[in-house]
């Protein structure tokens, strides 16, 4: 038996020698004895008692007595532990419920964001498919990117200038291979 509990045992007997012996014996294992000389006084003393485990009748055998006391105290401790664990389980279930609700809200929010991004991607793809028939695909792409605010005007000008520079170098190389001449530089728009 653990000493974390303050156990008390009620002994009802008018034999003070017997109640004295029981009190000293149980004190060795940390149990307090409450004694009453009659059953009537014993009943008055146990009105506030949480549980009655067992009645022992005389004559008492020491082993049987200790076994009954230990068994009763152990059963009481198990009951207290069950109450504590039930309260802990309820508290943890309440926390889990709150975490689950929060997770559900976040998942719904992320789902809405993903759906909006999916709509934007479909719109861009649709615009690209429509732009395939047009002569100026880079300008269509530029319009799509601007419309969806993917890049700022300055970044787009830099991108366009870089793209034109790379195309110019490739065209210059192709022109030289085929015997044509091209200007050394191209004019770039100011941003």
Protein backbone atom coordinates (compact mmCIF):
# COMPACT_ATOMS: atom_id res chain seq x y z
CA UNK A 1 0.00 0.00 0.00
CA UNK A 2 1.29 3.47 -0.88
CA UNK A 3 1.43 6.13 1.81
CA UNK A 4 0.09 8.87 -0.46
CA UNK A 5 -3.41 8.28 0.92
CA UNK A 6 -4.58 9.09 4.45
CA UNK A 7 -6.55 5.95 5.23
CA UNK A 8 -8.71 5.42 8.27
CA UNK A 9 -10.29 2.22 9.55
CA UNK A 10 -13.31 2.12 11.86
CA UNK A 11 -13.12 -0.49 14.61
CA UNK A 12 -16.27 -1.14 16.64
CA UNK A 13 -15.59 -3.13 19.81
CA UNK A 14 -15.91 -2.45 23.52
CA UNK A 15 -12.70 -4.38 24.21
CA UNK A 16 -10.19 -1.54 24.55
CA UNK A 17 -7.26 -3.97 24.51
CA UNK A 18 -8.31 -5.27 21.10
CA UNK A 19 -8.94 -1.79 19.64
CA UNK A 20 -5.60 -0.62 21.13
CA UNK A 21 -3.75 -3.54 19.50
CA UNK A 22 -5.44 -2.90 16.12
CA UNK A 23 -4.63 0.82 16.38
CA UNK A 24 -0.91 0.19 17.09
CA UNK A 25 -0.65 -2.52 14.45
CA UNK A 26 -2.26 -0.45 11.69
CA UNK A 27 -0.30 2.67 12.65
CA UNK A 28 2.84 0.75 11.55
CA UNK A 29 1.52 0.69 8.00
CA UNK A 30 0.26 4.29 8.06
CA UNK A 31 -3.42 3.67 8.74
CA UNK A 32 -5.38 5.71 11.28
CA UNK A 33 -7.88 3.85 13.46
CA UNK A 34 -11.17 5.37 14.55
CA UNK A 35 -12.77 3.31 17.27
CA UNK A 36 -16.23 3.16 18.78
CA UNK A 37 -17.38 0.99 21.69
CA UNK A 38 -20.86 0.34 20.22
CA UNK A 39 -22.41 -0.13 16.84
CA UNK A 40 -24.60 2.91 17.37
CA UNK A 41 -21.59 5.19 17.95
CA UNK A 42 -19.80 3.47 15.07
CA UNK A 43 -22.68 4.32 12.74
CA UNK A 44 -22.49 7.96 13.85
CA UNK A 45 -18.78 8.01 13.05
CA UNK A 46 -19.17 6.42 9.60
CA UNK A 47 -21.84 8.82 8.30
CA UNK A 48 -19.09 10.84 6.59
CA UNK A 49 -17.27 7.75 5.35
CA UNK A 50 -17.06 7.35 1.57
CA UNK A 51 -17.05 3.55 1.42
CA UNK A 52 -17.36 0.52 3.65
CA UNK A 53 -15.35 -2.40 2.40
CA UNK A 54 -15.97 -5.26 4.79
CA UNK A 55 -17.08 -6.21 8.27
CA UNK A 56 -14.78 -8.49 10.24
CA UNK A 57 -16.13 -10.62 13.02
CA UNK A 58 -14.32 -11.89 16.09
CA UNK A 59 -12.24 -13.84 16.74
CA UNK A 60 -9.72 -12.15 14.47
CA UNK A 61 -6.81 -13.98 12.90
CA UNK A 62 -3.88 -11.64 12.32
CA UNK A 63 -3.18 -12.72 8.72
CA UNK A 64 -6.84 -12.58 7.78
CA UNK A 65 -7.16 -9.17 9.44
CA UNK A 66 -4.18 -7.64 7.60
CA UNK A 67 -5.23 -9.22 4.33
CA UNK A 68 -8.73 -7.73 4.67
CA UNK A 69 -7.38 -4.28 5.59
CA UNK A 70 -4.84 -4.24 2.75
CA UNK A 71 -7.43 -5.50 0.28
CA UNK A 72 -9.93 -2.84 1.35
CA UNK A 73 -7.39 -0.02 1.20
CA UNK A 74 -6.12 -1.22 -2.16
CA UNK A 75 -9.65 -1.36 -3.55
CA UNK A 76 -10.29 2.17 -2.29
CA UNK A 77 -7.07 3.44 -3.89
CA UNK A 78 -8.01 1.81 -7.19
CA UNK A 79 -11.37 3.59 -7.03
CA UNK A 80 -9.65 6.94 -6.39
CA UNK A 81 -7.21 6.29 -9.23
CA UNK A 82 -10.12 5.45 -11.56
CA UNK A 83 -11.79 8.75 -10.67
CA UNK A 84 -8.51 10.63 -11.31
CA UNK A 85 -7.96 8.86 -14.65
CA UNK A 86 -11.53 9.51 -15.74
CA UNK A 87 -11.12 13.23 -15.00
CA UNK A 88 -7.81 13.25 -16.89
CA UNK A 89 -9.37 11.45 -19.87
CA UNK A 90 -12.24 13.98 -19.96
CA UNK A 91 -9.77 16.88 -19.85
CA UNK A 92 -7.64 15.38 -22.63
CA UNK A 93 -10.72 14.61 -24.75
CA UNK A 94 -11.82 18.24 -24.42
CA UNK A 95 -8.37 19.39 -25.60
CA UNK A 96 -8.41 16.93 -28.48
CA UNK A 97 -11.84 18.17 -29.51
CA UNK A 98 -10.58 21.78 -29.54
CA UNK A 99 -7.49 20.77 -31.56
CA UNK A 100 -9.71 18.83 -33.98
CA UNK A 101 -12.00 21.84 -34.47
CA UNK A 102 -9.01 24.11 -35.09
CA UNK A 103 -7.52 21.63 -37.54
CA UNK A 104 -10.84 21.36 -39.37
CA UNK A 105 -11.06 25.16 -39.71
CA UNK A 106 -7.49 25.34 -41.03
CA UNK A 107 -8.10 22.51 -43.49
CA UNK A 108 -11.22 24.27 -44.80
CA UNK A 109 -9.30 27.53 -45.16
CA UNK A 110 -6.45 25.79 -47.01
CA UNK A 111 -8.98 24.00 -49.22
CA UNK A 112 -10.54 27.34 -50.21
CA UNK A 113 -7.09 28.77 -50.97
CA UNK A 114 -6.23 25.73 -53.10
CA UNK A 115 -9.53 25.99 -54.96
CA UNK A 116 -8.87 29.68 -55.71
CA UNK A 117 -5.33 28.89 -56.92
CA UNK A 118 -6.73 26.08 -59.06
CA UNK A 119 -9.24 28.50 -60.64
CA UNK A 120 -6.40 30.97 -61.33
CA UNK A 121 -4.29 28.24 -62.96
CA UNK A 122 -7.22 27.14 -65.14
CA UNK A 123 -7.79 30.75 -66.17
CA UNK A 124 -4.12 31.14 -67.11
CA UNK A 125 -4.15 27.87 -69.08
CA UNK A 126 -7.35 28.92 -70.85
CA UNK A 127 -5.83 32.30 -71.73
CA UNK A 128 -2.68 30.59 -73.03
CA UNK A 129 -4.77 28.26 -75.19
CA UNK A 130 -6.68 31.22 -76.60
CA UNK A 131 -3.43 33.11 -77.19
CA UNK A 132 -1.97 30.28 -79.32
CA UNK A 133 -3.93 31.55 -82.29
CA UNK A 134 -2.68 35.11 -81.83
CA UNK A 135 0.55 36.40 -83.33
CA UNK A 136 1.96 37.87 -80.12
CA UNK A 137 2.13 35.05 -77.59
CA UNK A 138 4.72 36.83 -75.36
CA UNK A 139 2.36 39.79 -75.07
CA UNK A 140 -0.53 37.43 -74.16
CA UNK A 141 1.60 35.79 -71.50
CA UNK A 142 2.57 39.24 -70.26
CA UNK A 143 -1.11 40.20 -70.02
CA UNK A 144 -1.98 37.02 -68.12
CA UNK A 145 0.87 37.52 -65.67
CA UNK A 146 -0.12 41.17 -65.15
CA UNK A 147 -3.81 40.29 -64.74
CA UNK A 148 -3.03 37.75 -62.04
CA UNK A 149 -0.49 40.09 -60.41
CA UNK A 150 2.24 37.49 -60.60
CA UNK A 151 4.92 40.09 -61.29
CA UNK A 152 5.21 43.85 -61.04
CA UNK A 153 5.57 46.00 -64.14
CA UNK A 154 9.27 46.58 -63.41
CA UNK A 155 9.96 42.85 -63.10
CA UNK A 156 8.05 42.18 -66.28
CA UNK A 157 10.05 44.83 -68.18
CA UNK A 158 13.27 43.26 -66.91
CA UNK A 159 12.01 39.80 -67.93
CA UNK A 160 10.95 41.03 -71.36
CA UNK A 161 14.25 42.87 -71.91
CA UNK A 162 16.22 39.77 -70.92
CA UNK A 163 14.09 37.56 -73.16
CA UNK A 164 14.51 39.93 -76.10
CA UNK A 165 18.28 40.07 -75.48
CA UNK A 166 18.53 36.28 -75.54
CA UNK A 167 16.41 36.07 -78.69
CA UNK A 168 18.53 38.78 -80.33
CA UNK A 169 21.73 36.82 -79.63
CA UNK A 170 20.18 33.66 -81.11
CA UNK A 171 18.90 35.52 -84.19
CA UNK A 172 22.31 37.19 -84.61
CA UNK A 173 23.98 33.76 -84.59
CA UNK A 174 21.48 32.36 -87.10
CA UNK A 175 21.87 35.45 -89.30
CA UNK A 176 25.67 35.17 -89.35
CA UNK A 177 25.48 31.48 -90.30
CA UNK A 178 23.21 32.35 -93.20
CA UNK A 179 25.22 35.36 -94.41
CA UNK A 180 22.99 38.11 -93.12
CA UNK A 181 24.02 41.01 -90.97
CA UNK A 182 22.14 42.34 -87.98
CA UNK A 183 22.60 45.47 -85.88
CA UNK A 184 25.05 45.14 -82.98
CA UNK A 185 22.48 46.18 -80.31
CA UNK A 186 18.78 46.62 -79.89
CA UNK A 187 16.97 49.44 -78.17
CA UNK A 188 15.44 48.51 -74.82
CA UNK A 189 12.39 50.24 -73.37
CA UNK A 190 12.86 52.44 -70.32
CA UNK A 191 11.20 51.37 -67.11
